[in-house]
Every structure is written in structure tokens, then in C-alpha cells.
Amino acid sequence: MKALEAYNLKKTYRQSNQVVEAVKNVSLSIFPGEVLAFLGPNGAGKTTSIKMMAGLIQPDLGWVRIAGSDPHRNPAALQKMGAVLEGNRNVYWRLTPQENLEYFGVLKGLSHREARKSGIALLEKFDLLHKSRTPVQQLSRGMQQKLAFAVALVHQPLLLLLDEPTLGLDVEATEDVKVLIREIAASGCAILLTTHQLSIAEELSDKIAILQKGEILAEAPTQELIRQFSGTAYKIEMEAPLDKARIAELEAIGADVEGGKIIYINELESLYKVFNILKNLPLNYVEKEQSDLTEIFLQIVREGTKSNV
């Protein structure tokens, strides 16, 4: 069963006597254990789409299922979902971590005993047990974000919505959060991740969906999307400068040699010919030209046309 499925979601608003299409036929799905990065520039329709998926806004057309249940008709479906929002909006600052976990656990349908037990287990897992009775406002930003994850997971949801989970964190806290996201996905929880930090999305996601002007322009497994937009060129760096005879041989088969040490070749077929010419010479590295997600995102959004991935 899919943890989240959205089909042909559409939402329009009236603004200054005009009809604005915020979302046009958005469809996506996430299986348990998958991380889907839901990306788009500001104003693309991400927030409206997510609010429809979370049962907060009724779509004009289309439907949503969380673990097979419609959150718009069956509010109990929302008990299967957790959320971590940016801007420290997930917890009460004057309460302690333990109090937050017990409060939100009961709010999500757990008994007080279950909420307390689950909260203590999560505090221990996230290395916050020693801060269990410290007011949240006295915790570091990284600890507050860890607690936000714990609160979102206290009722063991099947789906987790993450909105800018690493925004404003230092390097160490960011790495801690990335480890948490991997662990949560490995436990079988599906994750819908929204972020403007595209390196984070590339590193953590299994699938990518790119939204622009209310439409999904590209949706594909992350590595497949990167492969589609990457070229076939290779770069080889030698440990020492090449002699003139080998440079001439390389240029004869279409390779470019820069500074006597850097070799560029455009076709895979020619790569093995290059290796034959370089036989027994020490190499520093060989790398294939590969686009990163930032380049791909900008290309798709600027062109504004759907990818055929």
C-alpha cells in the first residue's frame, strides 16, 4: 500500500476579480520507506499542494489517500501522518521535551501512558534524555529540531512531512538531521521533503518531483533524473605531464589535452582508446561529467516544459 497518493489535485483562488490556478492536476505517490523531494520556486504551488495532501485544504478536483484513507472524509487518516515545519513551529517553548512529547502523543490518540513511554524512547534515541526536563527555549537550535522530529514521530506515523528541516542549522546539526531522516526512512516511514537546499534533496531523496506554476514538470527517481541530464564526457587527470608523442596520439582520436595533464573525451567509445594510449602511466582520477540537482532544477524551471523522464 502507498503511504501517500495524490491524484489530479487542482485548486483555484479568486484574486482581484481574477481566477488564479494555484495547483493544476498534481499527482504523486510515495511508498513506505521512500523519500520524495517536492521541489519548486516560491509561488510554484508547493504549499497549497501539501495543505491539500495534509487535509487542511479541500481540493477543487482530485483526491488524496494517506495509507489508503481519504483525510478529507476520514480525519482519522491524519493520525497516520506527522509533520516537521521550519521556523520552530512544532513545539511549545515553555514546556520541556518530555511535556511536549506527552502532550502531542495524547493529541495524536495515544493514552497518557503510551505517550510517556514513546516519548522517553524517542528522547533516548535522539540523545535528548538528559534534557527531558529542560524548557525547550533553553535548548540549542539543533536540539530543538531533534525534538521536533521526536514530536512528529511520537505516534509512529506512516508518513512524515518535512518542510525545510535543516534551515538555519549549523553544519553539525545539519548532519545530525540528515542521519535522522535516513534512519526514519529506513524504519519504513515515507517522507515528503520540501527544501530550497537542493544539495540536501539530492543527497537524501529517492525520488524528485519539480513543480512550477502549479504543474509537475518532472517526476523521477533521483539518480535517473540526474543521469538523463548528465552528459557523456569524461575527464582524466594524469599524475605527471604527458610527452608530446602521447598528446599527439590523444588529439588524433578526438581528445582534448589541457596543460599536458588534463584530458577531456566526449564519447565512451573513445575512452578505452585513451586508456590504451595511457597504458602503465599513473592517473590521479577519472570522472564522468555529471549534472547536479541545482543545474537540473534551474534548467527545468527556466524552460518551463515537462521532462520526459
C-alpha atoms as a PDB file:
ATOM      1  CA  MET A   1       0.000   0.000   0.000  1.00  0.00           C
ATOM      2  CA  LYS A   2       1.178   3.521  -0.814  1.00  0.00           C
ATOM      3  CA  ALA A   3       1.806   5.737   2.187  1.00  0.00           C
ATOM      4  CA  LEU A   4       0.658   8.795   0.225  1.00  0.00           C
ATOM      5  CA  GLU A   5      -1.174   9.082  -3.059  1.00  0.00           C
ATOM      6  CA  ALA A   6      -2.431  12.291  -4.624  1.00  0.00           C
ATOM      7  CA  TYR A   7      -4.290  12.251  -7.921  1.00  0.00           C
ATOM      8  CA  ASN A   8      -5.051  15.200 -10.218  1.00  0.00           C
ATOM      9  CA  LEU A   9      -5.204  17.776  -7.442  1.00  0.00           C
ATOM     10  CA  LYS A  10      -6.477  21.154  -8.562  1.00  0.00           C
ATOM     11  CA  LYS A  11      -7.039  24.350  -6.603  1.00  0.00           C
ATOM     12  CA  THR A  12      -8.050  27.804  -7.814  1.00  0.00           C
ATOM     13  CA  TYR A  13      -8.436  31.113  -5.960  1.00  0.00           C
ATOM     14  CA  ARG A  14     -10.022  34.420  -6.780  1.00  0.00           C
ATOM     15  CA  GLN A  15      -7.628  37.348  -6.609  1.00  0.00           C
ATOM     16  CA  SER A  16      -8.570  40.879  -7.697  1.00  0.00           C
ATOM     17  CA  ASN A  17     -11.523  39.535  -9.689  1.00  0.00           C
ATOM     18  CA  GLN A  18      -9.277  37.054 -11.450  1.00  0.00           C
ATOM     19  CA  VAL A  19      -9.156  33.282 -11.138  1.00  0.00           C
ATOM     20  CA  VAL A  20      -5.670  32.085 -10.180  1.00  0.00           C
ATOM     21  CA  GLU A  21      -4.807  28.433 -10.736  1.00  0.00           C
ATOM     22  CA  ALA A  22      -2.566  27.660  -7.769  1.00  0.00           C
ATOM     23  CA  VAL A  23      -2.384  23.923  -8.485  1.00  0.00           C
ATOM     24  CA  LYS A  24      -3.128  22.161 -11.781  1.00  0.00           C
ATOM     25  CA  ASN A  25      -3.537  18.387 -11.884  1.00  0.00           C
ATOM     26  CA  VAL A  26      -0.790  17.467  -9.419  1.00  0.00           C
ATOM     27  CA  SER A  27      -0.330  13.721  -8.972  1.00  0.00           C
ATOM     28  CA  LEU A  28       2.314  11.901  -6.962  1.00  0.00           C
ATOM     29  CA  SER A  29       2.771   8.878  -4.726  1.00  0.00           C
ATOM     30  CA  ILE A  30       5.198   7.712  -2.039  1.00  0.00           C
ATOM     31  CA  PHE A  31       5.747   4.167  -0.841  1.00  0.00           C
ATOM     32  CA  PRO A  32       6.773   3.245   2.722  1.00  0.00           C
ATOM     33  CA  GLY A  33      10.476   3.918   3.252  1.00  0.00           C
ATOM     34  CA  GLU A  34      10.753   6.321   0.309  1.00  0.00           C
ATOM     35  CA  VAL A  35      11.902   9.942   0.460  1.00  0.00           C
ATOM     36  CA  LEU A  36      10.318  12.154  -2.191  1.00  0.00           C
ATOM     37  CA  ALA A  37      11.736  15.657  -2.568  1.00  0.00           C
ATOM     38  CA  PHE A  38       8.931  18.017  -3.628  1.00  0.00           C
ATOM     39  CA  LEU A  39      10.728  20.991  -5.165  1.00  0.00           C
ATOM     40  CA  GLY A  40       9.805  24.270  -6.777  1.00  0.00           C
ATOM     41  CA  PRO A  41      10.476  28.015  -6.692  1.00  0.00           C
ATOM     42  CA  ASN A  42       8.467  30.288  -4.405  1.00  0.00           C
ATOM     43  CA  GLY A  43       4.904  30.574  -5.667  1.00  0.00           C
ATOM     44  CA  ALA A  44       5.015  27.290  -7.568  1.00  0.00           C
ATOM     45  CA  GLY A  45       2.125  25.793  -5.601  1.00  0.00           C
ATOM     46  CA  LYS A  46       4.021  23.556  -3.181  1.00  0.00           C
ATOM     47  CA  THR A  47       2.359  24.862  -0.009  1.00  0.00           C
ATOM     48  CA  THR A  48      -1.138  24.628  -1.463  1.00  0.00           C
ATOM     49  CA  SER A  49      -0.445  21.096  -2.708  1.00  0.00           C
ATOM     50  CA  ILE A  50       0.890  19.981   0.660  1.00  0.00           C
ATOM     51  CA  LYS A  51      -2.052  21.522   2.515  1.00  0.00           C
ATOM     52  CA  MET A  52      -4.405  19.520   0.303  1.00  0.00           C
ATOM     53  CA  MET A  53      -2.409  16.345   0.932  1.00  0.00           C
ATOM     54  CA  ALA A  54      -2.460  17.034   4.677  1.00  0.00           C
ATOM     55  CA  GLY A  55      -6.227  17.504   4.731  1.00  0.00           C
ATOM     56  CA  LEU A  56      -6.029  21.227   5.520  1.00  0.00           C
ATOM     57  CA  ILE A  57      -7.480  22.491   2.212  1.00  0.00           C
ATOM     58  CA  GLN A  58     -10.223  20.831   0.200  1.00  0.00           C
ATOM     59  CA  PRO A  59      -9.138  20.345  -3.437  1.00  0.00           C
ATOM     60  CA  ASP A  60     -11.459  21.619  -6.179  1.00  0.00           C
ATOM     61  CA  LEU A  61     -10.759  18.421  -8.096  1.00  0.00           C
ATOM     62  CA  GLY A  62      -8.767  15.268  -7.431  1.00  0.00           C
ATOM     63  CA  TRP A  63      -8.269  13.196  -4.305  1.00  0.00           C
ATOM     64  CA  VAL A  64      -5.741  12.247  -1.624  1.00  0.00           C
ATOM     65  CA  ARG A  65      -5.124   8.970   0.190  1.00  0.00           C
ATOM     66  CA  ILE A  66      -2.946   8.506   3.262  1.00  0.00           C
ATOM     67  CA  ALA A  67      -2.326   4.778   3.675  1.00  0.00           C
ATOM     68  CA  GLY A  68      -5.496   4.199   1.672  1.00  0.00           C
ATOM     69  CA  SER A  69      -7.726   6.606   3.630  1.00  0.00           C
ATOM     70  CA  ASP A  70      -9.117   9.948   2.480  1.00  0.00           C
ATOM     71  CA  PRO A  71      -8.091  12.643   5.023  1.00  0.00           C
ATOM     72  CA  HIS A  72     -10.855  14.935   3.753  1.00  0.00           C
ATOM     73  CA  ARG A  73     -13.593  12.424   4.560  1.00  0.00           C
ATOM     74  CA  ASN A  74     -11.924  10.453   7.338  1.00  0.00           C
ATOM     75  CA  PRO A  75      -9.976  12.674   9.772  1.00  0.00           C
ATOM     76  CA  ALA A  76      -8.571   9.533  11.419  1.00  0.00           C
ATOM     77  CA  ALA A  77      -6.302   9.239   8.357  1.00  0.00           C
ATOM     78  CA  LEU A  78      -4.364  12.234   9.675  1.00  0.00           C
ATOM     79  CA  GLN A  79      -3.316  10.172  12.719  1.00  0.00           C
ATOM     80  CA  LYS A  80      -1.069   8.272  10.288  1.00  0.00           C
ATOM     81  CA  MET A  81       0.856  11.445   9.440  1.00  0.00           C
ATOM     82  CA  GLY A  82       3.474  13.543  11.235  1.00  0.00           C
ATOM     83  CA  ALA A  83       4.989  16.899  10.264  1.00  0.00           C
ATOM     84  CA  VAL A  84       8.122  18.941  10.963  1.00  0.00           C
ATOM     85  CA  LEU A  85       7.745  22.561   9.905  1.00  0.00           C
ATOM     86  CA  GLU A  86      10.513  25.129   9.574  1.00  0.00           C
ATOM     87  CA  GLY A  87      10.661  28.078  11.909  1.00  0.00           C
ATOM     88  CA  ASN A  88      10.354  26.211  15.235  1.00  0.00           C
ATOM     89  CA  ARG A  89       6.565  25.969  14.948  1.00  0.00           C
ATOM     90  CA  ASN A  90       6.427  22.334  16.038  1.00  0.00           C
ATOM     91  CA  VAL A  91       6.767  22.511  19.825  1.00  0.00           C
ATOM     92  CA  TYR A  92       5.827  24.650  22.821  1.00  0.00           C
ATOM     93  CA  TRP A  93       8.889  26.529  24.011  1.00  0.00           C
ATOM     94  CA  ARG A  94       7.843  26.910  27.631  1.00  0.00           C
ATOM     95  CA  LEU A  95       7.251  23.188  28.031  1.00  0.00           C
ATOM     96  CA  THR A  96      10.006  20.618  28.468  1.00  0.00           C
ATOM     97  CA  PRO A  97      10.743  17.976  25.798  1.00  0.00           C
ATOM     98  CA  GLN A  98       9.027  15.336  27.906  1.00  0.00           C
ATOM     99  CA  GLU A  99       5.938  17.503  28.358  1.00  0.00           C
ATOM    100  CA  ASN A 100       5.804  18.272  24.633  1.00  0.00           C
ATOM    101  CA  LEU A 101       6.001  14.605  23.726  1.00  0.00           C
ATOM    102  CA  GLU A 102       3.317  13.586  26.192  1.00  0.00           C
ATOM    103  CA  TYR A 103       1.020  16.414  25.100  1.00  0.00           C
ATOM    104  CA  PHE A 104       1.341  15.750  21.356  1.00  0.00           C
ATOM    105  CA  GLY A 105       1.227  11.985  21.863  1.00  0.00           C
ATOM    106  CA  VAL A 106      -2.159  12.232  23.592  1.00  0.00           C
ATOM    107  CA  LEU A 107      -3.295  14.717  20.915  1.00  0.00           C
ATOM    108  CA  LYS A 108      -2.467  12.069  18.296  1.00  0.00           C
ATOM    109  CA  GLY A 109      -4.598   9.443  20.004  1.00  0.00           C
ATOM    110  CA  LEU A 110      -2.200   7.741  22.413  1.00  0.00           C
ATOM    111  CA  SER A 111      -3.038   7.133  26.033  1.00  0.00           C
ATOM    112  CA  HIS A 112      -1.010   9.145  28.543  1.00  0.00           C
ATOM    113  CA  ARG A 113       0.949   6.005  29.428  1.00  0.00           C
ATOM    114  CA  GLU A 114       1.661   5.211  25.748  1.00  0.00           C
ATOM    115  CA  ALA A 115       2.683   8.806  25.056  1.00  0.00           C
ATOM    116  CA  ARG A 116       5.059   8.828  28.023  1.00  0.00           C
ATOM    117  CA  LYS A 117       6.629   5.504  27.030  1.00  0.00           C
ATOM    118  CA  SER A 118       7.025   6.515  23.382  1.00  0.00           C
ATOM    119  CA  GLY A 119       8.380   9.940  24.391  1.00  0.00           C
ATOM    120  CA  ILE A 120      11.062   8.510  26.668  1.00  0.00           C
ATOM    121  CA  ALA A 121      12.137   6.058  23.941  1.00  0.00           C
ATOM    122  CA  LEU A 122      12.446   8.889  21.403  1.00  0.00           C
ATOM    123  CA  LEU A 123      14.340  11.158  23.801  1.00  0.00           C
ATOM    124  CA  GLU A 124      16.805   8.344  24.320  1.00  0.00           C
ATOM    125  CA  LYS A 125      17.061   7.612  20.588  1.00  0.00           C
ATOM    126  CA  PHE A 126      17.697  11.276  19.749  1.00  0.00           C
ATOM    127  CA  ASP A 127      20.153  11.758  22.648  1.00  0.00           C
ATOM    128  CA  LEU A 128      17.864  14.200  24.452  1.00  0.00           C
ATOM    129  CA  LEU A 129      17.104  12.211  27.605  1.00  0.00           C
ATOM    130  CA  HIS A 130      19.458  14.383  29.669  1.00  0.00           C
ATOM    131  CA  LYS A 131      17.431  17.440  28.544  1.00  0.00           C
ATOM    132  CA  SER A 132      13.998  15.888  29.151  1.00  0.00           C
ATOM    133  CA  ARG A 133      13.082  18.396  31.907  1.00  0.00           C
ATOM    134  CA  THR A 134      14.752  21.488  30.404  1.00  0.00           C
ATOM    135  CA  PRO A 135      12.405  24.109  28.872  1.00  0.00           C
ATOM    136  CA  VAL A 136      12.610  23.964  25.073  1.00  0.00           C
ATOM    137  CA  GLN A 137      13.557  27.649  24.861  1.00  0.00           C
ATOM    138  CA  GLN A 138      16.828  26.809  26.648  1.00  0.00           C
ATOM    139  CA  LEU A 139      17.840  24.134  24.144  1.00  0.00           C
ATOM    140  CA  SER A 140      20.168  24.691  21.207  1.00  0.00           C
ATOM    141  CA  ARG A 141      18.662  25.095  17.730  1.00  0.00           C
ATOM    142  CA  GLY A 142      19.853  21.602  16.812  1.00  0.00           C
ATOM    143  CA  MET A 143      18.278  20.068  19.906  1.00  0.00           C
ATOM    144  CA  GLN A 144      15.012  21.888  19.198  1.00  0.00           C
ATOM    145  CA  GLN A 145      14.947  20.412  15.709  1.00  0.00           C
ATOM    146  CA  LYS A 146      15.639  16.923  17.058  1.00  0.00           C
ATOM    147  CA  LEU A 147      12.735  17.380  19.453  1.00  0.00           C
ATOM    148  CA  ALA A 148      10.513  18.482  16.566  1.00  0.00           C
ATOM    149  CA  PHE A 149      11.299  15.170  14.849  1.00  0.00           C
ATOM    150  CA  ALA A 150      10.563  13.267  18.053  1.00  0.00           C
ATOM    151  CA  VAL A 151       7.195  15.033  18.430  1.00  0.00           C
ATOM    152  CA  ALA A 152       6.303  14.220  14.809  1.00  0.00           C
ATOM    153  CA  LEU A 153       7.166  10.545  15.373  1.00  0.00           C
ATOM    154  CA  VAL A 154       5.677  10.025  18.845  1.00  0.00           C
ATOM    155  CA  HIS A 155       2.611   8.220  17.431  1.00  0.00           C
ATOM    156  CA  GLN A 156       4.663   6.206  14.880  1.00  0.00           C
ATOM    157  CA  PRO A 157       3.195   7.708  11.685  1.00  0.00           C
ATOM    158  CA  LEU A 158       3.373   6.055   8.257  1.00  0.00           C
ATOM    159  CA  LEU A 159       4.002   9.403   6.539  1.00  0.00           C
ATOM    160  CA  LEU A 160       6.200  12.323   7.587  1.00  0.00           C
ATOM    161  CA  LEU A 161       6.036  15.802   6.011  1.00  0.00           C
ATOM    162  CA  LEU A 162       9.304  17.724   6.301  1.00  0.00           C
ATOM    163  CA  ASP A 163       9.398  21.434   5.422  1.00  0.00           C
ATOM    164  CA  GLU A 164      12.945  22.881   5.348  1.00  0.00           C
ATOM    165  CA  PRO A 165      14.165  20.545   8.131  1.00  0.00           C
ATOM    166  CA  THR A 166      17.756  21.856   8.027  1.00  0.00           C
ATOM    167  CA  LEU A 167      17.051  25.572   7.605  1.00  0.00           C
ATOM    168  CA  GLY A 168      19.157  27.695   9.976  1.00  0.00           C
ATOM    169  CA  LEU A 169      21.111  24.768  11.402  1.00  0.00           C
ATOM    170  CA  ASP A 170      24.894  24.730  11.700  1.00  0.00           C
ATOM    171  CA  VAL A 171      26.957  22.074   9.906  1.00  0.00           C
ATOM    172  CA  GLU A 172      26.969  19.590  12.793  1.00  0.00           C
ATOM    173  CA  ALA A 173      23.233  19.895  13.457  1.00  0.00           C
ATOM    174  CA  THR A 174      22.512  19.575   9.726  1.00  0.00           C
ATOM    175  CA  GLU A 175      24.460  16.321   9.584  1.00  0.00           C
ATOM    176  CA  ASP A 176      22.542  15.044  12.634  1.00  0.00           C
ATOM    177  CA  VAL A 177      19.223  15.806  10.934  1.00  0.00           C
ATOM    178  CA  LYS A 178      20.311  14.080   7.714  1.00  0.00           C
ATOM    179  CA  VAL A 179      21.175  10.965   9.722  1.00  0.00           C
ATOM    180  CA  LEU A 180      17.739  11.136  11.398  1.00  0.00           C
ATOM    181  CA  ILE A 181      15.968  11.368   8.035  1.00  0.00           C
ATOM    182  CA  ARG A 182      17.829   8.332   6.709  1.00  0.00           C
ATOM    183  CA  GLU A 183      17.030   6.354   9.854  1.00  0.00           C
ATOM    184  CA  ILE A 184      13.358   7.313   9.757  1.00  0.00           C
ATOM    185  CA  ALA A 185      13.050   6.252   6.105  1.00  0.00           C
ATOM    186  CA  ALA A 186      14.913   3.002   6.837  1.00  0.00           C
ATOM    187  CA  SER A 187      12.328   2.233   9.528  1.00  0.00           C
ATOM    188  CA  GLY A 188       9.630   2.185   6.830  1.00  0.00           C
ATOM    189  CA  CYS A 189       8.189   5.694   7.217  1.00  0.00           C
ATOM    190  CA  ALA A 190       7.503   7.538   3.944  1.00  0.00           C
ATOM    191  CA  ILE A 191       8.838  11.106   3.787  1.00  0.00           C
ATOM    192  CA  LEU A 192       7.687  14.075   1.709  1.00  0.00           C
ATOM    193  CA  LEU A 193      10.543  16.598   1.833  1.00  0.00           C
ATOM    194  CA  THR A 194      10.339  20.219   0.732  1.00  0.00           C
ATOM    195  CA  THR A 195      13.506  22.303   0.736  1.00  0.00           C
ATOM    196  CA  HIS A 196      15.310  25.025  -1.199  1.00  0.00           C
ATOM    197  CA  GLN A 197      18.621  23.398  -0.251  1.00  0.00           C
ATOM    198  CA  LEU A 198      18.908  21.268  -3.368  1.00  0.00           C
ATOM    199  CA  SER A 199      22.110  19.539  -2.271  1.00  0.00           C
ATOM    200  CA  ILE A 200      20.153  18.169   0.712  1.00  0.00           C
ATOM    201  CA  ALA A 201      17.360  16.991  -1.604  1.00  0.00           C
ATOM    202  CA  GLU A 202      19.852  15.297  -3.940  1.00  0.00           C
ATOM    203  CA  GLU A 203      21.601  13.557  -1.061  1.00  0.00           C
ATOM    204  CA  LEU A 204      18.527  12.289   0.783  1.00  0.00           C
ATOM    205  CA  SER A 205      15.790  11.671  -1.774  1.00  0.00           C
ATOM    206  CA  ASP A 206      14.832   8.525  -3.645  1.00  0.00           C
ATOM    207  CA  LYS A 207      12.546  10.452  -5.992  1.00  0.00           C
ATOM    208  CA  ILE A 208      12.238  14.051  -7.165  1.00  0.00           C
ATOM    209  CA  ALA A 209       9.122  15.979  -8.209  1.00  0.00           C
ATOM    210  CA  ILE A 210       9.673  19.504  -9.574  1.00  0.00           C
ATOM    211  CA  LEU A 211       6.708  21.884  -9.518  1.00  0.00           C
ATOM    212  CA  GLN A 212       6.368  25.112 -11.475  1.00  0.00           C
ATOM    213  CA  LYS A 213       3.232  27.265 -11.855  1.00  0.00           C
ATOM    214  CA  GLY A 214       1.106  24.584 -10.228  1.00  0.00           C
ATOM    215  CA  GLU A 215       2.222  21.751 -12.511  1.00  0.00           C
ATOM    216  CA  ILE A 216       4.704  18.932 -12.001  1.00  0.00           C
ATOM    217  CA  LEU A 217       7.270  19.351 -14.773  1.00  0.00           C
ATOM    218  CA  ALA A 218       9.415  16.359 -13.809  1.00  0.00           C
ATOM    219  CA  GLU A 219       8.995  13.355 -11.535  1.00  0.00           C
ATOM    220  CA  ALA A 220      11.517  10.531 -11.478  1.00  0.00           C
ATOM    221  CA  PRO A 221      13.916   8.569  -9.295  1.00  0.00           C
ATOM    222  CA  THR A 222      16.660  10.997  -8.282  1.00  0.00           C
ATOM    223  CA  GLN A 223      19.559   9.172  -9.928  1.00  0.00           C
ATOM    224  CA  GLU A 224      17.574   8.552 -13.105  1.00  0.00           C
ATOM    225  CA  LEU A 225      16.811  12.277 -13.380  1.00  0.00           C
ATOM    226  CA  ILE A 226      20.480  13.140 -12.880  1.00  0.00           C
ATOM    227  CA  ARG A 227      21.559  10.559 -15.486  1.00  0.00           C
ATOM    228  CA  GLN A 228      19.111  11.964 -18.020  1.00  0.00           C
ATOM    229  CA  PHE A 229      20.523  15.477 -17.723  1.00  0.00           C
ATOM    230  CA  SER A 230      24.189  14.446 -17.490  1.00  0.00           C
ATOM    231  CA  GLY A 231      26.461  14.333 -20.494  1.00  0.00           C
ATOM    232  CA  THR A 232      28.745  11.610 -21.830  1.00  0.00           C
ATOM    233  CA  ALA A 233      32.048  13.470 -21.461  1.00  0.00           C
ATOM    234  CA  TYR A 234      34.906  12.195 -19.295  1.00  0.00           C
ATOM    235  CA  LYS A 235      37.764  13.989 -17.606  1.00  0.00           C
ATOM    236  CA  ILE A 236      41.077  12.293 -16.831  1.00  0.00           C
ATOM    237  CA  GLU A 237      43.826  13.862 -14.744  1.00  0.00           C
ATOM    238  CA  MET A 238      47.350  12.482 -15.016  1.00  0.00           C
ATOM    239  CA  GLU A 239      49.829  12.399 -12.165  1.00  0.00           C
ATOM    240  CA  ALA A 240      52.576  13.829 -14.389  1.00  0.00           C
ATOM    241  CA  PRO A 241      52.564  15.800 -17.690  1.00  0.00           C
ATOM    242  CA  LEU A 242      52.331  13.712 -20.851  1.00  0.00           C
ATOM    243  CA  ASP A 243      55.025  13.602 -23.523  1.00  0.00           C
ATOM    244  CA  LYS A 244      54.389  15.199 -26.915  1.00  0.00           C
ATOM    245  CA  ALA A 245      54.008  11.861 -28.712  1.00  0.00           C
ATOM    246  CA  ARG A 246      51.164  10.702 -26.456  1.00  0.00           C
ATOM    247  CA  ILE A 247      49.481  14.122 -26.649  1.00  0.00           C
ATOM    248  CA  ALA A 248      49.547  13.848 -30.439  1.00  0.00           C
ATOM    249  CA  GLU A 249      48.031  10.345 -30.275  1.00  0.00           C
ATOM    250  CA  LEU A 250      45.275  11.526 -27.968  1.00  0.00           C
ATOM    251  CA  GLU A 251      44.423  14.517 -30.146  1.00  0.00           C
ATOM    252  CA  ALA A 252      44.322  12.238 -33.182  1.00  0.00           C
ATOM    253  CA  ILE A 253      41.399  10.281 -31.670  1.00  0.00           C
ATOM    254  CA  GLY A 254      39.497  13.452 -30.730  1.00  0.00           C
ATOM    255  CA  ALA A 255      40.629  14.020 -27.146  1.00  0.00           C
ATOM    256  CA  ASP A 256      41.466  17.490 -25.819  1.00  0.00           C
ATOM    257  CA  VAL A 257      44.580  17.810 -23.669  1.00  0.00           C
ATOM    258  CA  GLU A 258      44.904  20.773 -21.313  1.00  0.00           C
ATOM    259  CA  GLY A 259      48.199  21.699 -19.672  1.00  0.00           C
ATOM    260  CA  GLY A 260      49.682  18.326 -20.601  1.00  0.00           C
ATOM    261  CA  LYS A 261      47.853  16.668 -17.644  1.00  0.00           C
ATOM    262  CA  ILE A 262      44.096  17.049 -18.126  1.00  0.00           C
ATOM    263  CA  ILE A 263      42.368  15.005 -20.833  1.00  0.00           C
ATOM    264  CA  TYR A 264      38.789  15.514 -21.994  1.00  0.00           C
ATOM    265  CA  ILE A 265      36.977  12.931 -24.121  1.00  0.00           C
ATOM    266  CA  ASN A 266      33.384  13.215 -25.346  1.00  0.00           C
ATOM    267  CA  GLU A 267      32.464   9.647 -26.225  1.00  0.00           C
ATOM    268  CA  LEU A 268      32.551   6.443 -24.195  1.00  0.00           C
ATOM    269  CA  GLU A 269      33.831   4.512 -27.227  1.00  0.00           C
ATOM    270  CA  SER A 270      36.964   6.671 -27.335  1.00  0.00           C
ATOM    271  CA  LEU A 271      37.605   6.339 -23.581  1.00  0.00           C
ATOM    272  CA  TYR A 272      39.100   2.867 -23.918  1.00  0.00           C
ATOM    273  CA  LYS A 273      41.340   4.054 -26.757  1.00  0.00           C
ATOM    274  CA  VAL A 274      42.591   6.758 -24.390  1.00  0.00           C
ATOM    275  CA  PHE A 275      43.320   4.169 -21.700  1.00  0.00           C
ATOM    276  CA  ASN A 276      45.298   2.144 -24.231  1.00  0.00           C
ATOM    277  CA  ILE A 277      47.440   5.186 -25.067  1.00  0.00           C
ATOM    278  CA  LEU A 278      47.941   5.914 -21.350  1.00  0.00           C
ATOM    279  CA  LYS A 279      48.828   2.323 -20.525  1.00  0.00           C
ATOM    280  CA  ASN A 280      51.141   1.979 -17.482  1.00  0.00           C
ATOM    281  CA  LEU A 281      51.038   5.731 -16.708  1.00  0.00           C
ATOM    282  CA  PRO A 282      49.823   6.812 -13.238  1.00  0.00           C
ATOM    283  CA  LEU A 283      46.423   8.565 -13.092  1.00  0.00           C
ATOM    284  CA  ASN A 284      45.067  10.873 -10.408  1.00  0.00           C
ATOM    285  CA  TYR A 285      41.405  10.277 -11.259  1.00  0.00           C
ATOM    286  CA  VAL A 286      38.824   9.613 -13.961  1.00  0.00           C
ATOM    287  CA  GLU A 287      35.384  11.231 -13.671  1.00  0.00           C
ATOM    288  CA  LYS A 288      32.265  11.367 -15.797  1.00  0.00           C
ATOM    289  CA  GLU A 289      30.612  14.702 -16.454  1.00  0.00           C
ATOM    290  CA  GLN A 290      27.502  14.791 -14.252  1.00  0.00           C
ATOM    291  CA  SER A 291      24.934  17.477 -13.635  1.00  0.00           C
ATOM    292  CA  ASP A 292      23.923  18.226 -10.075  1.00  0.00           C
ATOM    293  CA  LEU A 293      20.337  18.743  -8.969  1.00  0.00           C
ATOM    294  CA  THR A 294      20.733  22.534  -8.825  1.00  0.00           C
ATOM    295  CA  GLU A 295      21.643  22.685 -12.528  1.00  0.00           C
ATOM    296  CA  ILE A 296      18.807  20.320 -13.448  1.00  0.00           C
ATOM    297  CA  PHE A 297      16.267  22.228 -11.339  1.00  0.00           C
ATOM    298  CA  LEU A 298      17.197  25.566 -12.904  1.00  0.00           C
ATOM    299  CA  GLN A 299      17.080  24.148 -16.425  1.00  0.00           C
ATOM    300  CA  ILE A 300      13.638  22.575 -15.938  1.00  0.00           C
ATOM    301  CA  VAL A 301      12.143  25.625 -14.199  1.00  0.00           C
ATOM    302  CA  ARG A 302      13.585  28.135 -16.695  1.00  0.00           C
ATOM    303  CA  GLU A 303      12.459  26.144 -19.724  1.00  0.00           C
ATOM    304  CA  GLY A 304       9.053  25.532 -18.109  1.00  0.00           C
ATOM    305  CA  THR A 305       8.441  22.365 -20.144  1.00  0.00           C
ATOM    306  CA  LYS A 306       7.689  18.895 -18.858  1.00  0.00           C
ATOM    307  CA  SER A 307      10.579  16.434 -18.751  1.00  0.00           C
ATOM    308  CA  ASN A 308      10.062  13.088 -20.482  1.00  0.00           C
ATOM    309  CA  VAL A 309      11.760  11.146 -17.656  1.00  0.00           C
END
